[in-house]
C-alpha atoms as a PDB file:
ATOM      1  CA  MET A   1      -1.342  10.072 -84.708  1.00  0.00           C
ATOM      2  CA  GLN A   2      -1.985   6.330 -83.926  1.00  0.00           C
ATOM      3  CA  ARG A   3      -4.308   6.212 -80.199  1.00  0.00           C
ATOM      4  CA  ARG A   4      -2.254   3.327 -78.344  1.00  0.00           C
ATOM      5  CA  ASP A   5      -5.534   1.424 -77.970  1.00  0.00           C
ATOM      6  CA  ASP A   6      -5.628   1.416 -81.772  1.00  0.00           C
ATOM      7  CA  PHE A   7      -4.107  -1.714 -82.367  1.00  0.00           C
ATOM      8  CA  GLY A   8      -4.858  -5.148 -84.256  1.00  0.00           C
ATOM      9  CA  ILE A   9      -3.604  -8.894 -83.907  1.00  0.00           C
ATOM     10  CA  ALA A  10      -0.747  -8.882 -85.806  1.00  0.00           C
ATOM     11  CA  GLY A  11       0.510 -12.627 -84.681  1.00  0.00           C
ATOM     12  CA  ALA A  12       0.547 -15.526 -81.367  1.00  0.00           C
ATOM     13  CA  ALA A  13       2.422 -18.215 -80.373  1.00  0.00           C
ATOM     14  CA  SER A  14       2.783 -19.970 -77.429  1.00  0.00           C
ATOM     15  CA  GLY A  15       4.645 -22.702 -75.099  1.00  0.00           C
ATOM     16  CA  ASP A  16       2.942 -25.796 -72.848  1.00  0.00           C
ATOM     17  CA  LEU A  17       0.852 -22.944 -70.532  1.00  0.00           C
ATOM     18  CA  ASP A  18       2.342 -19.725 -71.535  1.00  0.00           C
ATOM     19  CA  LEU A  19       0.708 -17.372 -74.861  1.00  0.00           C
ATOM     20  CA  ALA A  20       1.795 -14.009 -76.270  1.00  0.00           C
ATOM     21  CA  VAL A  21      -0.541 -12.754 -78.588  1.00  0.00           C
ATOM     22  CA  VAL A  22       0.788  -9.445 -80.410  1.00  0.00           C
ATOM     23  CA  CYS A  23      -0.710  -6.387 -80.893  1.00  0.00           C
ATOM     24  CA  ALA A  24      -0.007  -3.645 -83.156  1.00  0.00           C
ATOM     25  CA  SER A  25      -0.684  -0.223 -85.092  1.00  0.00           C
ATOM     26  CA  GLN A  26      -0.747   0.708 -88.418  1.00  0.00           C
ATOM     27  CA  PRO A  27       2.387   0.725 -89.810  1.00  0.00           C
ATOM     28  CA  GLY A  28       4.688   4.060 -90.733  1.00  0.00           C
ATOM     29  CA  ALA A  29       7.653   6.025 -90.707  1.00  0.00           C
ATOM     30  CA  GLY A  30       9.821   2.657 -90.115  1.00  0.00           C
ATOM     31  CA  GLU A  31       8.199   1.615 -86.731  1.00  0.00           C
ATOM     32  CA  GLN A  32       4.874   0.062 -86.102  1.00  0.00           C
ATOM     33  CA  LEU A  33       3.474   0.434 -81.745  1.00  0.00           C
ATOM     34  CA  LYS A  34       2.704  -3.139 -80.328  1.00  0.00           C
ATOM     35  CA  SER A  35       1.375  -4.681 -77.516  1.00  0.00           C
ATOM     36  CA  ILE A  36       2.636  -7.546 -75.900  1.00  0.00           C
ATOM     37  CA  VAL A  37      -0.843  -9.432 -74.035  1.00  0.00           C
ATOM     38  CA  THR A  38       0.297 -12.618 -71.834  1.00  0.00           C
ATOM     39  CA  THR A  39      -0.433 -15.306 -69.801  1.00  0.00           C
ATOM     40  CA  ALA A  40       1.273 -17.892 -68.040  1.00  0.00           C
ATOM     41  CA  ASP A  41      -1.528 -20.159 -66.706  1.00  0.00           C
ATOM     42  CA  GLY A  42      -3.096 -21.634 -70.144  1.00  0.00           C
ATOM     43  CA  GLY A  43      -5.727 -18.061 -70.197  1.00  0.00           C
ATOM     44  CA  SER A  44      -7.555 -17.791 -66.905  1.00  0.00           C
ATOM     45  CA  SER A  45      -5.545 -14.822 -66.371  1.00  0.00           C
ATOM     46  CA  TRP A  46      -3.673 -12.009 -68.839  1.00  0.00           C
ATOM     47  CA  THR A  47      -1.689  -9.581 -68.689  1.00  0.00           C
ATOM     48  CA  ARG A  48      -1.556  -5.937 -70.750  1.00  0.00           C
ATOM     49  CA  ASP A  49       1.188  -4.316 -71.463  1.00  0.00           C
ATOM     50  CA  PRO A  50       1.885  -1.749 -74.339  1.00  0.00           C
ATOM     51  CA  ASP A  51       5.169  -0.334 -73.172  1.00  0.00           C
ATOM     52  CA  ARG A  52       6.901  -3.941 -72.791  1.00  0.00           C
ATOM     53  CA  ALA A  53       6.878  -4.454 -76.282  1.00  0.00           C
ATOM     54  CA  PRO A  54      10.203  -3.379 -78.397  1.00  0.00           C
ATOM     55  CA  THR A  55       9.881  -0.291 -80.324  1.00  0.00           C
ATOM     56  CA  SER A  56      11.645  -0.666 -83.637  1.00  0.00           C
ATOM     57  CA  GLY A  57      10.182  -2.214 -86.613  1.00  0.00           C
ATOM     58  CA  TYR A  58       7.340  -4.086 -88.401  1.00  0.00           C
ATOM     59  CA  VAL A  59       5.675  -7.124 -87.022  1.00  0.00           C
ATOM     60  CA  GLY A  60       6.368  -9.890 -88.504  1.00  0.00           C
ATOM     61  CA  SER A  61       5.782 -13.066 -86.808  1.00  0.00           C
ATOM     62  CA  VAL A  62       6.012 -14.120 -83.404  1.00  0.00           C
ATOM     63  CA  ALA A  63       8.305 -17.415 -82.336  1.00  0.00           C
ATOM     64  CA  ALA A  64       8.129 -19.255 -78.211  1.00  0.00           C
ATOM     65  CA  THR A  65       9.683 -21.591 -76.628  1.00  0.00           C
ATOM     66  CA  GLN A  66       9.930 -22.523 -73.179  1.00  0.00           C
ATOM     67  CA  ASP A  67      12.778 -20.457 -72.857  1.00  0.00           C
ATOM     68  CA  GLY A  68      11.865 -17.185 -75.033  1.00  0.00           C
ATOM     69  CA  THR A  69       8.709 -14.601 -76.679  1.00  0.00           C
ATOM     70  CA  PHE A  70      10.472 -13.886 -80.205  1.00  0.00           C
ATOM     71  CA  LEU A  71       9.336 -11.212 -82.408  1.00  0.00           C
ATOM     72  CA  THR A  72      10.660 -10.318 -85.938  1.00  0.00           C
ATOM     73  CA  GLY A  73       9.316  -8.165 -88.544  1.00  0.00           C
ATOM     74  CA  GLY A  74      10.534  -5.793 -91.490  1.00  0.00           C
ATOM     75  CA  ARG A  75      13.847  -3.092 -90.712  1.00  0.00           C
ATOM     76  CA  ALA A  76      13.605  -5.201 -87.513  1.00  0.00           C
ATOM     77  CA  VAL A  77      15.844  -7.872 -85.688  1.00  0.00           C
ATOM     78  CA  VAL A  78      14.835 -10.934 -84.065  1.00  0.00           C
ATOM     79  CA  SER A  79      13.795  -9.863 -80.631  1.00  0.00           C
ATOM     80  CA  VAL A  80      14.041 -12.170 -77.821  1.00  0.00           C
ATOM     81  CA  THR A  81      11.970 -11.946 -73.745  1.00  0.00           C
ATOM     82  CA  ARG A  82      12.803 -14.601 -72.120  1.00  0.00           C
ATOM     83  CA  ASP A  83      11.232 -12.912 -68.847  1.00  0.00           C
ATOM     84  CA  ALA A  84       7.548 -12.205 -69.813  1.00  0.00           C
ATOM     85  CA  GLY A  85       7.931  -9.271 -71.842  1.00  0.00           C
ATOM     86  CA  ARG A  86       9.732  -7.081 -69.009  1.00  0.00           C
ATOM     87  CA  SER A  87      13.232  -6.451 -71.090  1.00  0.00           C
ATOM     88  CA  TRP A  88      13.809  -7.313 -74.566  1.00  0.00           C
ATOM     89  CA  GLN A  89      16.967  -8.148 -76.470  1.00  0.00           C
ATOM     90  CA  THR A  90      18.625  -8.956 -80.127  1.00  0.00           C
ATOM     91  CA  ALA A  91      18.866 -12.441 -81.000  1.00  0.00           C
ATOM     92  CA  TYR A  92      19.916 -12.084 -84.565  1.00  0.00           C
ATOM     93  CA  ALA A  93      20.470  -8.786 -86.704  1.00  0.00           C
ATOM     94  CA  GLY A  94      21.644 -10.184 -89.394  1.00  0.00           C
ATOM     95  CA  SER A  95      24.279  -9.001 -90.525  1.00  0.00           C
ATOM     96  CA  GLY A  96      23.573  -5.664 -92.310  1.00  0.00           C
ATOM     97  CA  GLY A  97      21.006  -6.266 -94.302  1.00  0.00           C
ATOM     98  CA  ALA A  98      18.322  -3.154 -94.696  1.00  0.00           C
ATOM     99  CA  GLY A  99      15.551  -5.338 -94.352  1.00  0.00           C
ATOM    100  CA  GLY A 100      16.120  -7.450 -91.354  1.00  0.00           C
ATOM    101  CA  PRO A 101      14.528 -10.730 -91.003  1.00  0.00           C
ATOM    102  CA  LEU A 102      11.430 -10.851 -92.010  1.00  0.00           C
ATOM    103  CA  ALA A 103       9.475 -14.396 -90.323  1.00  0.00           C
ATOM    104  CA  VAL A 104      10.802 -16.259 -87.136  1.00  0.00           C
ATOM    105  CA  GLY A 105      10.220 -19.678 -86.473  1.00  0.00           C
ATOM    106  CA  PHE A 106      10.599 -22.641 -83.672  1.00  0.00           C
ATOM    107  CA  THR A 107      10.244 -26.428 -84.930  1.00  0.00           C
ATOM    108  CA  ASP A 108      11.070 -27.351 -81.129  1.00  0.00           C
ATOM    109  CA  ASP A 109      13.149 -25.160 -77.908  1.00  0.00           C
ATOM    110  CA  GLN A 110      16.362 -25.771 -79.429  1.00  0.00           C
ATOM    111  CA  HIS A 111      15.741 -25.626 -83.533  1.00  0.00           C
ATOM    112  CA  GLY A 112      14.637 -22.005 -85.014  1.00  0.00           C
ATOM    113  CA  PHE A 113      15.010 -20.094 -88.413  1.00  0.00           C
ATOM    114  CA  ALA A 114      14.928 -16.858 -89.630  1.00  0.00           C
ATOM    115  CA  VAL A 115      14.349 -15.993 -92.773  1.00  0.00           C
ATOM    116  CA  GLY A 116      14.401 -12.807 -94.674  1.00  0.00           C
ATOM    117  CA  GLU A 117      16.789  -9.869 -95.738  1.00  0.00           C
ATOM    118  CA  LEU A 118      19.901 -11.823 -93.951  1.00  0.00           C
ATOM    119  CA  SER A 119      23.489  -9.437 -95.131  1.00  0.00           C
ATOM    120  CA  ASP A 120      23.181  -8.123 -98.720  1.00  0.00           C
ATOM    121  CA  SER A 121      21.090 -11.025-100.247  1.00  0.00           C
ATOM    122  CA  SER A 122      17.603 -12.464 -98.674  1.00  0.00           C
ATOM    123  CA  GLY A 123      18.392 -16.301 -96.638  1.00  0.00           C
ATOM    124  CA  LEU A 124      17.598 -18.430 -93.735  1.00  0.00           C
ATOM    125  CA  ALA A 125      19.306 -18.297 -90.710  1.00  0.00           C
ATOM    126  CA  LEU A 126      19.768 -21.164 -88.084  1.00  0.00           C
ATOM    127  CA  SER A 127      19.557 -21.444 -84.311  1.00  0.00           C
ATOM    128  CA  ASP A 128      20.520 -24.932 -82.863  1.00  0.00           C
ATOM    129  CA  ASP A 129      20.229 -23.471 -79.328  1.00  0.00           C
ATOM    130  CA  GLY A 130      17.024 -22.365 -78.548  1.00  0.00           C
ATOM    131  CA  GLY A 131      17.705 -18.990 -80.256  1.00  0.00           C
ATOM    132  CA  ARG A 132      21.556 -17.945 -78.259  1.00  0.00           C
ATOM    133  CA  SER A 133      23.023 -18.377 -81.644  1.00  0.00           C
ATOM    134  CA  TRP A 134      22.369 -18.201 -85.143  1.00  0.00           C
ATOM    135  CA  ARG A 135      24.236 -18.895 -88.426  1.00  0.00           C
ATOM    136  CA  GLU A 136      23.586 -18.254 -91.904  1.00  0.00           C
ATOM    137  CA  VAL A 137      22.945 -21.177 -94.230  1.00  0.00           C
ATOM    138  CA  LEU A 138      21.333 -20.065 -97.709  1.00  0.00           C
ATOM    139  CA  ARG A 139      21.999 -16.286 -99.270  1.00  0.00           C
ATOM    140  CA  LEU A 140      19.835 -15.980-102.639  1.00  0.00           C
ATOM    141  CA  ARG A 141      21.373 -13.385-104.543  1.00  0.00           C
ATOM    142  CA  GLN A 142      19.552 -10.232-104.970  1.00  0.00           C
ATOM    143  CA  SER A 143      19.571  -9.390-108.746  1.00  0.00           C
ATOM    144  CA  GLY A 144      20.641  -5.996-109.070  1.00  0.00           C
END
């Protein structure tokens, strides 16, 4: 059984003064225990609350904009918090892929991307509104 304090750093993302560090345990049984440590003052003070992290899936990547922190990984959706981790919502779930989005990133506060198993194939989805909506723009058919 995983201890709640047996975590390693799995990813980090920052805005101007905000920084979110995601820590995760060893993966197993379709999910991974997660803890998120945040700062809103450039690192002068930190808040750790393991109960604020989404529970499903594995940690793949973390991205931040001025408006939210995004988290994804294998067997998971792209989750977003817009209130410093107090609540998480699904930002993007693909359209039925078994593995789900594996990575999420943003080039600026409005333009984001998600890559991985998005539908019946691997592909790329884009957002141009800060992650509030996504559209699949590339599908790479898997051989089978």
